[in-house]
Amino acid sequence: MNYTTKVVQVTNVSPSTTSEQMRTLFGFLGTIEELKLFPPDDSPMPVTSRVCFVKFQEPESVGVSQHLTNTVFVDRALIVVPFAEVKKAKAAPSLMGESGPLPANRGL
């Protein structure tokens, strides 16, 4: 199958998993351009699950990495799916507009 994306989304990642462990696991499947783990390794907030995005140099690695779905890594079965890359717009409209943030809700 031909993939146009080079990015996979990995969900159900154990909270004790580090970005280095993910890089090691997915590094066997292809050269990694970028890897992001959310929340990050140094996050102070408690987490029950993590999400990882892996960008490969070659789109063929996306198909290969999907074979890791249901593989138990640390203590969770991973779910690996292709993730569509979004091209950055030249001038994205501001969500806040020119007037600043919305006023706080003063009750219902």
PDB file of N, CA and C in Angstrom:
ATOM      1  N   MET A   1       0.842  -1.176   0.000  1.00  0.00           N
ATOM      2  CA  MET A   1       0.000   0.000   0.000  1.00  0.00           C
ATOM      3  C   MET A   1       0.886   1.238   0.000  1.00  0.00           C
ATOM      4  N   ASN A   2       0.518   2.231  -0.799  1.00  0.00           N
ATOM      5  CA  ASN A   2       1.287   3.469  -0.873  1.00  0.00           C
ATOM      6  C   ASN A   2       0.753   4.485   0.125  1.00  0.00           C
ATOM      7  N   TYR A   3       1.620   4.973   0.984  1.00  0.00           N
ATOM      8  CA  TYR A   3       1.235   5.975   1.973  1.00  0.00           C
ATOM      9  C   TYR A   3       1.789   7.321   1.546  1.00  0.00           C
ATOM     10  N   THR A   4       0.976   8.359   1.725  1.00  0.00           N
ATOM     11  CA  THR A   4       1.439   9.706   1.425  1.00  0.00           C
ATOM     12  C   THR A   4       1.988  10.372   2.680  1.00  0.00           C
ATOM     13  N   THR A   5       1.680   9.815   3.832  1.00  0.00           N
ATOM     14  CA  THR A   5       2.178  10.368   5.082  1.00  0.00           C
ATOM     15  C   THR A   5       3.420   9.614   5.550  1.00  0.00           C
ATOM     16  N   LYS A   6       4.219  10.304   6.322  1.00  0.00           N
ATOM     17  CA  LYS A   6       5.398   9.688   6.935  1.00  0.00           C
ATOM     18  C   LYS A   6       5.234   9.593   8.444  1.00  0.00           C
ATOM     19  N   VAL A   7       4.020   9.905   8.932  1.00  0.00           N
ATOM     20  CA  VAL A   7       3.784  10.012  10.369  1.00  0.00           C
ATOM     21  C   VAL A   7       2.813   8.934  10.841  1.00  0.00           C
ATOM     22  N   VAL A   8       3.122   8.335  11.991  1.00  0.00           N
ATOM     23  CA  VAL A   8       2.189   7.423  12.649  1.00  0.00           C
ATOM     24  C   VAL A   8       1.857   7.980  14.022  1.00  0.00           C
ATOM     25  N   GLN A   9       0.647   7.676  14.457  1.00  0.00           N
ATOM     26  CA  GLN A   9       0.200   8.017  15.801  1.00  0.00           C
ATOM     27  C   GLN A   9       0.167   6.724  16.596  1.00  0.00           C
ATOM     28  N   VAL A  10       0.805   6.730  17.749  1.00  0.00           N
ATOM     29  CA  VAL A  10       0.850   5.556  18.617  1.00  0.00           C
ATOM     30  C   VAL A  10       0.090   5.905  19.893  1.00  0.00           C
ATOM     31  N   THR A  11      -0.989   5.178  20.148  1.00  0.00           N
ATOM     32  CA  THR A  11      -1.792   5.435  21.347  1.00  0.00           C
ATOM     33  C   THR A  11      -1.703   4.249  22.297  1.00  0.00           C
ATOM     34  N   ASN A  12      -2.269   4.433  23.473  1.00  0.00           N
ATOM     35  CA  ASN A  12      -2.237   3.441  24.542  1.00  0.00           C
ATOM     36  C   ASN A  12      -0.805   3.154  24.992  1.00  0.00           C
ATOM     37  N   VAL A  13       0.008   4.213  25.025  1.00  0.00           N
ATOM     38  CA  VAL A  13       1.404   4.094  25.458  1.00  0.00           C
ATOM     39  C   VAL A  13       1.434   4.182  26.979  1.00  0.00           C
ATOM     40  N   SER A  14       2.151   3.282  27.601  1.00  0.00           N
ATOM     41  CA  SER A  14       2.257   3.237  29.058  1.00  0.00           C
ATOM     42  C   SER A  14       2.815   4.552  29.604  1.00  0.00           C
ATOM     43  N   PRO A  15       2.299   5.022  30.735  1.00  0.00           N
ATOM     44  CA  PRO A  15       2.814   6.268  31.314  1.00  0.00           C
ATOM     45  C   PRO A  15       4.284   6.181  31.736  1.00  0.00           C
ATOM     46  N   SER A  16       4.796   4.984  31.949  1.00  0.00           N
ATOM     47  CA  SER A  16       6.201   4.843  32.348  1.00  0.00           C
ATOM     48  C   SER A  16       7.153   4.771  31.155  1.00  0.00           C
ATOM     49  N   THR A  17       6.632   4.776  29.941  1.00  0.00           N
ATOM     50  CA  THR A  17       7.455   4.711  28.737  1.00  0.00           C
ATOM     51  C   THR A  17       8.120   6.056  28.475  1.00  0.00           C
ATOM     52  N   THR A  18       9.396   6.027  28.093  1.00  0.00           N
ATOM     53  CA  THR A  18      10.123   7.255  27.775  1.00  0.00           C
ATOM     54  C   THR A  18      10.217   7.437  26.261  1.00  0.00           C
ATOM     55  N   SER A  19      10.520   8.659  25.861  1.00  0.00           N
ATOM     56  CA  SER A  19      10.679   8.927  24.431  1.00  0.00           C
ATOM     57  C   SER A  19      11.872   8.145  23.867  1.00  0.00           C
ATOM     58  N   GLU A  20      12.885   7.930  24.673  1.00  0.00           N
ATOM     59  CA  GLU A  20      14.047   7.148  24.212  1.00  0.00           C
ATOM     60  C   GLU A  20      13.660   5.697  23.940  1.00  0.00           C
ATOM     61  N   GLN A  21      12.805   5.117  24.765  1.00  0.00           N
ATOM     62  CA  GLN A  21      12.330   3.751  24.528  1.00  0.00           C
ATOM     63  C   GLN A  21      11.524   3.673  23.237  1.00  0.00           C
ATOM     64  N   MET A  22      10.684   4.685  22.994  1.00  0.00           N
ATOM     65  CA  MET A  22       9.891   4.710  21.759  1.00  0.00           C
ATOM     66  C   MET A  22      10.806   4.866  20.545  1.00  0.00           C
ATOM     67  N   ARG A  23      11.818   5.703  20.681  1.00  0.00           N
ATOM     68  CA  ARG A  23      12.771   5.912  19.576  1.00  0.00           C
ATOM     69  C   ARG A  23      13.511   4.614  19.259  1.00  0.00           C
ATOM     70  N   THR A  24      13.873   3.870  20.287  1.00  0.00           N
ATOM     71  CA  THR A  24      14.555   2.592  20.077  1.00  0.00           C
ATOM     72  C   THR A  24      13.635   1.600  19.376  1.00  0.00           C
ATOM     73  N   LEU A  25      12.395   1.480  19.848  1.00  0.00           N
ATOM     74  CA  LEU A  25      11.447   0.536  19.259  1.00  0.00           C
ATOM     75  C   LEU A  25      11.181   0.850  17.785  1.00  0.00           C
ATOM     76  N   PHE A  26      10.827   2.090  17.474  1.00  0.00           N
ATOM     77  CA  PHE A  26      10.473   2.443  16.102  1.00  0.00           C
ATOM     78  C   PHE A  26      11.689   2.656  15.208  1.00  0.00           C
ATOM     79  N   GLY A  27      12.850   2.838  15.810  1.00  0.00           N
ATOM     80  CA  GLY A  27      14.076   2.991  15.031  1.00  0.00           C
ATOM     81  C   GLY A  27      14.454   1.727  14.269  1.00  0.00           C
ATOM     82  N   PHE A  28      13.960   0.581  14.715  1.00  0.00           N
ATOM     83  CA  PHE A  28      14.214  -0.674  13.990  1.00  0.00           C
ATOM     84  C   PHE A  28      13.423  -0.739  12.689  1.00  0.00           C
ATOM     85  N   LEU A  29      12.403   0.099  12.540  1.00  0.00           N
ATOM     86  CA  LEU A  29      11.512   0.025  11.385  1.00  0.00           C
ATOM     87  C   LEU A  29      11.854   1.029  10.299  1.00  0.00           C
ATOM     88  N   GLY A  30      12.682   1.980  10.600  1.00  0.00           N
ATOM     89  CA  GLY A  30      13.064   2.999   9.628  1.00  0.00           C
ATOM     90  C   GLY A  30      13.747   4.155  10.328  1.00  0.00           C
ATOM     91  N   THR A  31      14.334   5.040   9.537  1.00  0.00           N
ATOM     92  CA  THR A  31      15.012   6.199  10.097  1.00  0.00           C
ATOM     93  C   THR A  31      13.976   7.211  10.571  1.00  0.00           C
ATOM     94  N   ILE A  32      14.109   7.638  11.817  1.00  0.00           N
ATOM     95  CA  ILE A  32      13.154   8.567  12.424  1.00  0.00           C
ATOM     96  C   ILE A  32      13.635  10.001  12.224  1.00  0.00           C
ATOM     97  N   GLU A  33      12.760  10.841  11.644  1.00  0.00           N
ATOM     98  CA  GLU A  33      13.051  12.269  11.502  1.00  0.00           C
ATOM     99  C   GLU A  33      12.719  13.018  12.785  1.00  0.00           C
ATOM    100  N   GLU A  34      11.574  12.647  13.370  1.00  0.00           N
ATOM    101  CA  GLU A  34      11.109  13.355  14.565  1.00  0.00           C
ATOM    102  C   GLU A  34      10.220  12.433  15.385  1.00  0.00           C
ATOM    103  N   LEU A  35      10.288  12.579  16.700  1.00  0.00           N
ATOM    104  CA  LEU A  35       9.449  11.793  17.603  1.00  0.00           C
ATOM    105  C   LEU A  35       8.984  12.708  18.725  1.00  0.00           C
ATOM    106  N   LYS A  36       7.675  12.719  18.978  1.00  0.00           N
ATOM    107  CA  LYS A  36       7.097  13.534  20.053  1.00  0.00           C
ATOM    108  C   LYS A  36       6.229  12.643  20.926  1.00  0.00           C
ATOM    109  N   LEU A  37       6.449  12.714  22.218  1.00  0.00           N
ATOM    110  CA  LEU A  37       5.673  11.948  23.191  1.00  0.00           C
ATOM    111  C   LEU A  37       4.887  12.936  24.044  1.00  0.00           C
ATOM    112  N   PHE A  38       3.589  12.701  24.178  1.00  0.00           N
ATOM    113  CA  PHE A  38       2.724  13.587  24.953  1.00  0.00           C
ATOM    114  C   PHE A  38       2.031  12.825  26.062  1.00  0.00           C
ATOM    115  N   PRO A  39       1.952  13.352  27.271  1.00  0.00           N
ATOM    116  CA  PRO A  39       2.762  14.462  27.763  1.00  0.00           C
ATOM    117  C   PRO A  39       4.248  14.100  27.736  1.00  0.00           C
ATOM    118  N   PRO A  40       5.100  15.122  27.677  1.00  0.00           N
ATOM    119  CA  PRO A  40       6.541  14.863  27.584  1.00  0.00           C
ATOM    120  C   PRO A  40       7.093  14.135  28.809  1.00  0.00           C
ATOM    121  N   ASP A  41       8.315  13.621  28.660  1.00  0.00           N
ATOM    122  CA  ASP A  41       8.969  12.866  29.740  1.00  0.00           C
ATOM    123  C   ASP A  41       9.045  13.652  31.045  1.00  0.00           C
ATOM    124  N   ASP A  42       9.280  14.956  30.946  1.00  0.00           N
ATOM    125  CA  ASP A  42       9.477  15.774  32.144  1.00  0.00           C
ATOM    126  C   ASP A  42       8.192  16.434  32.636  1.00  0.00           C
ATOM    127  N   SER A  43       7.057  15.942  32.199  1.00  0.00           N
ATOM    128  CA  SER A  43       5.778  16.529  32.601  1.00  0.00           C
ATOM    129  C   SER A  43       5.499  16.268  34.082  1.00  0.00           C
ATOM    130  N   PRO A  44       5.123  17.316  34.836  1.00  0.00           N
ATOM    131  CA  PRO A  44       4.854  17.134  36.260  1.00  0.00           C
ATOM    132  C   PRO A  44       3.471  16.537  36.555  1.00  0.00           C
ATOM    133  N   MET A  45       2.580  16.547  35.568  1.00  0.00           N
ATOM    134  CA  MET A  45       1.232  16.054  35.839  1.00  0.00           C
ATOM    135  C   MET A  45       1.143  14.546  35.716  1.00  0.00           C
ATOM    136  N   PRO A  46       0.312  13.937  36.553  1.00  0.00           N
ATOM    137  CA  PRO A  46       0.140  12.481  36.485  1.00  0.00           C
ATOM    138  C   PRO A  46      -0.622  12.090  35.222  1.00  0.00           C
ATOM    139  N   VAL A  47      -0.219  10.996  34.613  1.00  0.00           N
ATOM    140  CA  VAL A  47      -0.865  10.543  33.377  1.00  0.00           C
ATOM    141  C   VAL A  47      -1.266   9.084  33.508  1.00  0.00           C
ATOM    142  N   THR A  48      -2.320   8.718  32.791  1.00  0.00           N
ATOM    143  CA  THR A  48      -2.758   7.318  32.776  1.00  0.00           C
ATOM    144  C   THR A  48      -2.391   6.652  31.457  1.00  0.00           C
ATOM    145  N   SER A  49      -2.139   7.462  30.440  1.00  0.00           N
ATOM    146  CA  SER A  49      -1.756   6.945  29.128  1.00  0.00           C
ATOM    147  C   SER A  49      -1.058   8.056  28.361  1.00  0.00           C
ATOM    148  N   ARG A  50      -0.248   7.676  27.395  1.00  0.00           N
ATOM    149  CA  ARG A  50       0.476   8.651  26.579  1.00  0.00           C
ATOM    150  C   ARG A  50       0.188   8.421  25.113  1.00  0.00           C
ATOM    151  N   VAL A  51       0.523   9.429  24.297  1.00  0.00           N
ATOM    152  CA  VAL A  51       0.390   9.367  22.845  1.00  0.00           C
ATOM    153  C   VAL A  51       1.738   9.755  22.258  1.00  0.00           C
ATOM    154  N   CYS A  52       2.134   9.058  21.208  1.00  0.00           N
ATOM    155  CA  CYS A  52       3.413   9.335  20.566  1.00  0.00           C
ATOM    156  C   CYS A  52       3.193   9.528  19.071  1.00  0.00           C
ATOM    157  N   PHE A  53       3.891  10.501  18.495  1.00  0.00           N
ATOM    158  CA  PHE A  53       3.873  10.714  17.052  1.00  0.00           C
ATOM    159  C   PHE A  53       5.289  10.469  16.544  1.00  0.00           C
ATOM    160  N   VAL A  54       5.399   9.634  15.513  1.00  0.00           N
ATOM    161  CA  VAL A  54       6.693   9.292  14.941  1.00  0.00           C
ATOM    162  C   VAL A  54       6.678   9.674  13.474  1.00  0.00           C
ATOM    163  N   LYS A  55       7.656  10.492  13.057  1.00  0.00           N
ATOM    164  CA  LYS A  55       7.788  10.870  11.654  1.00  0.00           C
ATOM    165  C   LYS A  55       9.026  10.176  11.091  1.00  0.00           C
ATOM    166  N   PHE A  56       8.809   9.364  10.066  1.00  0.00           N
ATOM    167  CA  PHE A  56       9.887   8.622   9.419  1.00  0.00           C
ATOM    168  C   PHE A  56      10.407   9.383   8.208  1.00  0.00           C
ATOM    169  N   GLN A  57      11.593   9.023   7.727  1.00  0.00           N
ATOM    170  CA  GLN A  57      12.125   9.609   6.497  1.00  0.00           C
ATOM    171  C   GLN A  57      11.403   9.049   5.278  1.00  0.00           C
ATOM    172  N   GLU A  58      11.011   7.780   5.336  1.00  0.00           N
ATOM    173  CA  GLU A  58      10.364   7.114   4.201  1.00  0.00           C
ATOM    174  C   GLU A  58       8.925   6.739   4.542  1.00  0.00           C
ATOM    175  N   PRO A  59       7.966   7.008   3.641  1.00  0.00           N
ATOM    176  CA  PRO A  59       6.574   6.651   3.907  1.00  0.00           C
ATOM    177  C   PRO A  59       6.341   5.145   4.031  1.00  0.00           C
ATOM    178  N   GLU A  60       7.222   4.328   3.465  1.00  0.00           N
ATOM    179  CA  GLU A  60       7.070   2.874   3.557  1.00  0.00           C
ATOM    180  C   GLU A  60       7.167   2.385   5.010  1.00  0.00           C
ATOM    181  N   SER A  61       7.866   3.128   5.840  1.00  0.00           N
ATOM    182  CA  SER A  61       7.999   2.750   7.248  1.00  0.00           C
ATOM    183  C   SER A  61       6.670   2.839   7.986  1.00  0.00           C
ATOM    184  N   VAL A  62       5.735   3.637   7.462  1.00  0.00           N
ATOM    185  CA  VAL A  62       4.410   3.758   8.075  1.00  0.00           C
ATOM    186  C   VAL A  62       3.690   2.414   8.018  1.00  0.00           C
ATOM    187  N   GLY A  63       3.700   1.778   6.850  1.00  0.00           N
ATOM    188  CA  GLY A  63       3.057   0.473   6.694  1.00  0.00           C
ATOM    189  C   GLY A  63       3.688  -0.590   7.565  1.00  0.00           C
ATOM    190  N   VAL A  64       5.006  -0.574   7.632  1.00  0.00           N
ATOM    191  CA  VAL A  64       5.721  -1.560   8.447  1.00  0.00           C
ATOM    192  C   VAL A  64       5.405  -1.350   9.932  1.00  0.00           C
ATOM    193  N   SER A  65       5.349  -0.089  10.361  1.00  0.00           N
ATOM    194  CA  SER A  65       5.127   0.193  11.784  1.00  0.00           C
ATOM    195  C   SER A  65       3.733  -0.202  12.247  1.00  0.00           C
ATOM    196  N   GLN A  66       2.771  -0.275  11.331  1.00  0.00           N
ATOM    197  CA  GLN A  66       1.425  -0.685  11.718  1.00  0.00           C
ATOM    198  C   GLN A  66       1.379  -2.124  12.218  1.00  0.00           C
ATOM    199  N   HIS A  67       2.391  -2.897  11.868  1.00  0.00           N
ATOM    200  CA  HIS A  67       2.459  -4.279  12.343  1.00  0.00           C
ATOM    201  C   HIS A  67       2.743  -4.356  13.844  1.00  0.00           C
ATOM    202  N   LEU A  68       3.101  -3.227  14.459  1.00  0.00           N
ATOM    203  CA  LEU A  68       3.304  -3.207  15.913  1.00  0.00           C
ATOM    204  C   LEU A  68       1.995  -3.048  16.681  1.00  0.00           C
ATOM    205  N   THR A  69       0.881  -2.826  15.980  1.00  0.00           N
ATOM    206  CA  THR A  69      -0.413  -2.740  16.655  1.00  0.00           C
ATOM    207  C   THR A  69      -0.669  -4.026  17.420  1.00  0.00           C
ATOM    208  N   ASN A  70      -1.124  -3.888  18.654  1.00  0.00           N
ATOM    209  CA  ASN A  70      -1.391  -4.977  19.601  1.00  0.00           C
ATOM    210  C   ASN A  70      -0.130  -5.608  20.178  1.00  0.00           C
ATOM    211  N   THR A  71       1.025  -5.047  19.872  1.00  0.00           N
ATOM    212  CA  THR A  71       2.254  -5.505  20.508  1.00  0.00           C
ATOM    213  C   THR A  71       2.304  -4.922  21.914  1.00  0.00           C
ATOM    214  N   VAL A  72       2.502  -5.764  22.910  1.00  0.00           N
ATOM    215  CA  VAL A  72       2.590  -5.276  24.285  1.00  0.00           C
ATOM    216  C   VAL A  72       3.978  -4.683  24.482  1.00  0.00           C
ATOM    217  N   PHE A  73       4.000  -3.396  24.820  1.00  0.00           N
ATOM    218  CA  PHE A  73       5.249  -2.676  25.055  1.00  0.00           C
ATOM    219  C   PHE A  73       5.165  -2.085  26.449  1.00  0.00           C
ATOM    220  N   VAL A  74       6.090  -2.418  27.306  1.00  0.00           N
ATOM    221  CA  VAL A  74       6.106  -2.145  28.740  1.00  0.00           C
ATOM    222  C   VAL A  74       4.935  -2.903  29.357  1.00  0.00           C
ATOM    223  N   ASP A  75       3.755  -2.296  29.460  1.00  0.00           N
ATOM    224  CA  ASP A  75       2.620  -3.021  30.029  1.00  0.00           C
ATOM    225  C   ASP A  75       1.317  -2.746  29.294  1.00  0.00           C
ATOM    226  N   ARG A  76       1.400  -2.238  28.058  1.00  0.00           N
ATOM    227  CA  ARG A  76       0.209  -1.896  27.272  1.00  0.00           C
ATOM    228  C   ARG A  76       0.333  -2.384  25.834  1.00  0.00           C
ATOM    229  N   ALA A  77      -0.804  -2.729  25.239  1.00  0.00           N
ATOM    230  CA  ALA A  77      -0.836  -3.100  23.821  1.00  0.00           C
ATOM    231  C   ALA A  77      -0.919  -1.820  23.000  1.00  0.00           C
ATOM    232  N   LEU A  78       0.097  -1.571  22.183  1.00  0.00           N
ATOM    233  CA  LEU A  78       0.149  -0.352  21.383  1.00  0.00           C
ATOM    234  C   LEU A  78      -0.880  -0.374  20.257  1.00  0.00           C
ATOM    235  N   ILE A  79      -1.331   0.814  19.866  1.00  0.00           N
ATOM    236  CA  ILE A  79      -2.201   0.986  18.704  1.00  0.00           C
ATOM    237  C   ILE A  79      -1.487   1.966  17.779  1.00  0.00           C
ATOM    238  N   VAL A  80      -1.142   1.509  16.568  1.00  0.00           N
ATOM    239  CA  VAL A  80      -0.371   2.313  15.626  1.00  0.00           C
ATOM    240  C   VAL A  80      -1.207   2.554  14.375  1.00  0.00           C
ATOM    241  N   VAL A  81      -1.432   3.820  14.032  1.00  0.00           N
ATOM    242  CA  VAL A  81      -2.216   4.175  12.843  1.00  0.00           C
ATOM    243  C   VAL A  81      -1.513   5.291  12.078  1.00  0.00           C
ATOM    244  N   PRO A  82      -1.676   5.323  10.742  1.00  0.00           N
ATOM    245  CA  PRO A  82      -1.123   6.445   9.972  1.00  0.00           C
ATOM    246  C   PRO A  82      -1.781   7.748  10.413  1.00  0.00           C
ATOM    247  N   PHE A  83      -1.027   8.823  10.377  1.00  0.00           N
ATOM    248  CA  PHE A  83      -1.527  10.133  10.798  1.00  0.00           C
ATOM    249  C   PHE A  83      -1.283  11.116   9.662  1.00  0.00           C
ATOM    250  N   ALA A  84      -2.350  11.775   9.210  1.00  0.00           N
ATOM    251  CA  ALA A  84      -2.239  12.716   8.097  1.00  0.00           C
ATOM    252  C   ALA A  84      -1.456  13.954   8.519  1.00  0.00           C
ATOM    253  N   GLU A  85      -0.471  14.315   7.725  1.00  0.00           N
ATOM    254  CA  GLU A  85       0.298  15.522   7.988  1.00  0.00           C
ATOM    255  C   GLU A  85      -0.488  16.721   7.470  1.00  0.00           C
ATOM    256  N   VAL A  86      -0.469  17.794   8.231  1.00  0.00           N
ATOM    257  CA  VAL A  86      -1.153  19.014   7.828  1.00  0.00           C
ATOM    258  C   VAL A  86      -0.095  20.020   7.401  1.00  0.00           C
ATOM    259  N   LYS A  87      -0.254  20.528   6.194  1.00  0.00           N
ATOM    260  CA  LYS A  87       0.682  21.539   5.705  1.00  0.00           C
ATOM    261  C   LYS A  87       0.386  22.861   6.393  1.00  0.00           C
ATOM    262  N   LYS A  88       1.438  23.566   6.790  1.00  0.00           N
ATOM    263  CA  LYS A  88       1.261  24.846   7.476  1.00  0.00           C
ATOM    264  C   LYS A  88       0.813  25.901   6.470  1.00  0.00           C
ATOM    265  N   ALA A  89      -0.198  26.673   6.859  1.00  0.00           N
ATOM    266  CA  ALA A  89      -0.686  27.755   6.014  1.00  0.00           C
ATOM    267  C   ALA A  89       0.273  28.933   6.111  1.00  0.00           C
ATOM    268  N   LYS A  90       0.305  29.745   5.048  1.00  0.00           N
ATOM    269  CA  LYS A  90       1.204  30.902   5.050  1.00  0.00           C
ATOM    270  C   LYS A  90       0.801  31.902   6.123  1.00  0.00           C
ATOM    271  N   ALA A  91      -0.491  32.191   6.209  1.00  0.00           N
ATOM    272  CA  ALA A  91      -0.971  33.135   7.213  1.00  0.00           C
ATOM    273  C   ALA A  91      -2.253  32.569   7.810  1.00  0.00           C
ATOM    274  N   ALA A  92      -2.102  31.839   8.867  1.00  0.00           N
ATOM    275  CA  ALA A  92      -3.274  31.228   9.500  1.00  0.00           C
ATOM    276  C   ALA A  92      -4.055  32.298  10.252  1.00  0.00           C
ATOM    277  N   PRO A  93      -5.381  32.282  10.140  1.00  0.00           N
ATOM    278  CA  PRO A  93      -6.178  33.264  10.876  1.00  0.00           C
ATOM    279  C   PRO A  93      -6.081  33.000  12.373  1.00  0.00           C
ATOM    280  N   SER A  94      -6.090  34.059  13.126  1.00  0.00           N
ATOM    281  CA  SER A  94      -5.989  33.943  14.578  1.00  0.00           C
ATOM    282  C   SER A  94      -7.312  33.475  15.158  1.00  0.00           C
ATOM    283  N   LEU A  95      -7.253  32.503  16.063  1.00  0.00           N
ATOM    284  CA  LEU A  95      -8.461  32.052  16.736  1.00  0.00           C
ATOM    285  C   LEU A  95      -8.946  33.084  17.747  1.00  0.00           C
ATOM    286  N   MET A  96      -8.040  33.902  18.228  1.00  0.00           N
ATOM    287  CA  MET A  96      -8.396  34.893  19.230  1.00  0.00           C
ATOM    288  C   MET A  96      -8.925  36.181  18.605  1.00  0.00           C
ATOM    289  N   GLY A  97      -8.732  36.368  17.313  1.00  0.00           N
ATOM    290  CA  GLY A  97      -9.174  37.604  16.668  1.00  0.00           C
ATOM    291  C   GLY A  97      -8.302  38.771  17.095  1.00  0.00           C
ATOM    292  N   GLU A  98      -8.732  39.964  16.768  1.00  0.00           N
ATOM    293  CA  GLU A  98      -7.965  41.154  17.106  1.00  0.00           C
ATOM    294  C   GLU A  98      -8.350  41.715  18.471  1.00  0.00           C
ATOM    295  N   SER A  99      -9.444  41.237  19.052  1.00  0.00           N
ATOM    296  CA  SER A  99      -9.943  41.827  20.286  1.00  0.00           C
ATOM    297  C   SER A  99      -9.391  41.167  21.547  1.00  0.00           C
ATOM    298  N   GLY A 100      -8.620  40.127  21.430  1.00  0.00           N
ATOM    299  CA  GLY A 100      -8.067  39.462  22.603  1.00  0.00           C
ATOM    300  C   GLY A 100      -8.933  38.300  23.044  1.00  0.00           C
ATOM    301  N   PRO A 101      -8.637  37.736  24.219  1.00  0.00           N
ATOM    302  CA  PRO A 101      -9.380  36.562  24.686  1.00  0.00           C
ATOM    303  C   PRO A 101     -10.831  36.916  25.023  1.00  0.00           C
ATOM    304  N   LEU A 102     -11.664  35.896  25.018  1.00  0.00           N
ATOM    305  CA  LEU A 102     -13.062  36.078  25.367  1.00  0.00           C
ATOM    306  C   LEU A 102     -13.186  36.357  26.868  1.00  0.00           C
ATOM    307  N   PRO A 103     -14.203  37.130  27.269  1.00  0.00           N
ATOM    308  CA  PRO A 103     -14.374  37.391  28.699  1.00  0.00           C
ATOM    309  C   PRO A 103     -14.749  36.115  29.441  1.00  0.00           C
ATOM    310  N   ALA A 104     -14.395  36.059  30.716  1.00  0.00           N
ATOM    311  CA  ALA A 104     -14.687  34.885  31.529  1.00  0.00           C
ATOM    312  C   ALA A 104     -16.186  34.742  31.730  1.00  0.00           C
ATOM    313  N   ASN A 105     -16.655  33.493  31.798  1.00  0.00           N
ATOM    314  CA  ASN A 105     -18.065  33.235  32.053  1.00  0.00           C
ATOM    315  C   ASN A 105     -18.402  33.624  33.499  1.00  0.00           C
ATOM    316  N   ARG A 106     -19.382  34.468  33.665  1.00  0.00           N
ATOM    317  CA  ARG A 106     -19.718  34.996  34.987  1.00  0.00           C
ATOM    318  C   ARG A 106     -20.899  34.266  35.619  1.00  0.00           C
ATOM    319  N   GLY A 107     -21.108  33.026  35.223  1.00  0.00           N
ATOM    320  CA  GLY A 107     -22.209  32.260  35.794  1.00  0.00           C
ATOM    321  C   GLY A 107     -23.179  31.833  34.720  1.00  0.00           C
ATOM    322  N   LEU A 108     -23.960  30.842  35.033  1.00  0.00           N
ATOM    323  CA  LEU A 108     -24.900  30.324  34.051  1.00  0.00           C
ATOM    324  C   LEU A 108     -26.219  30.807  34.401  1.00  0.00           C
TER     325      LEU A 108
END
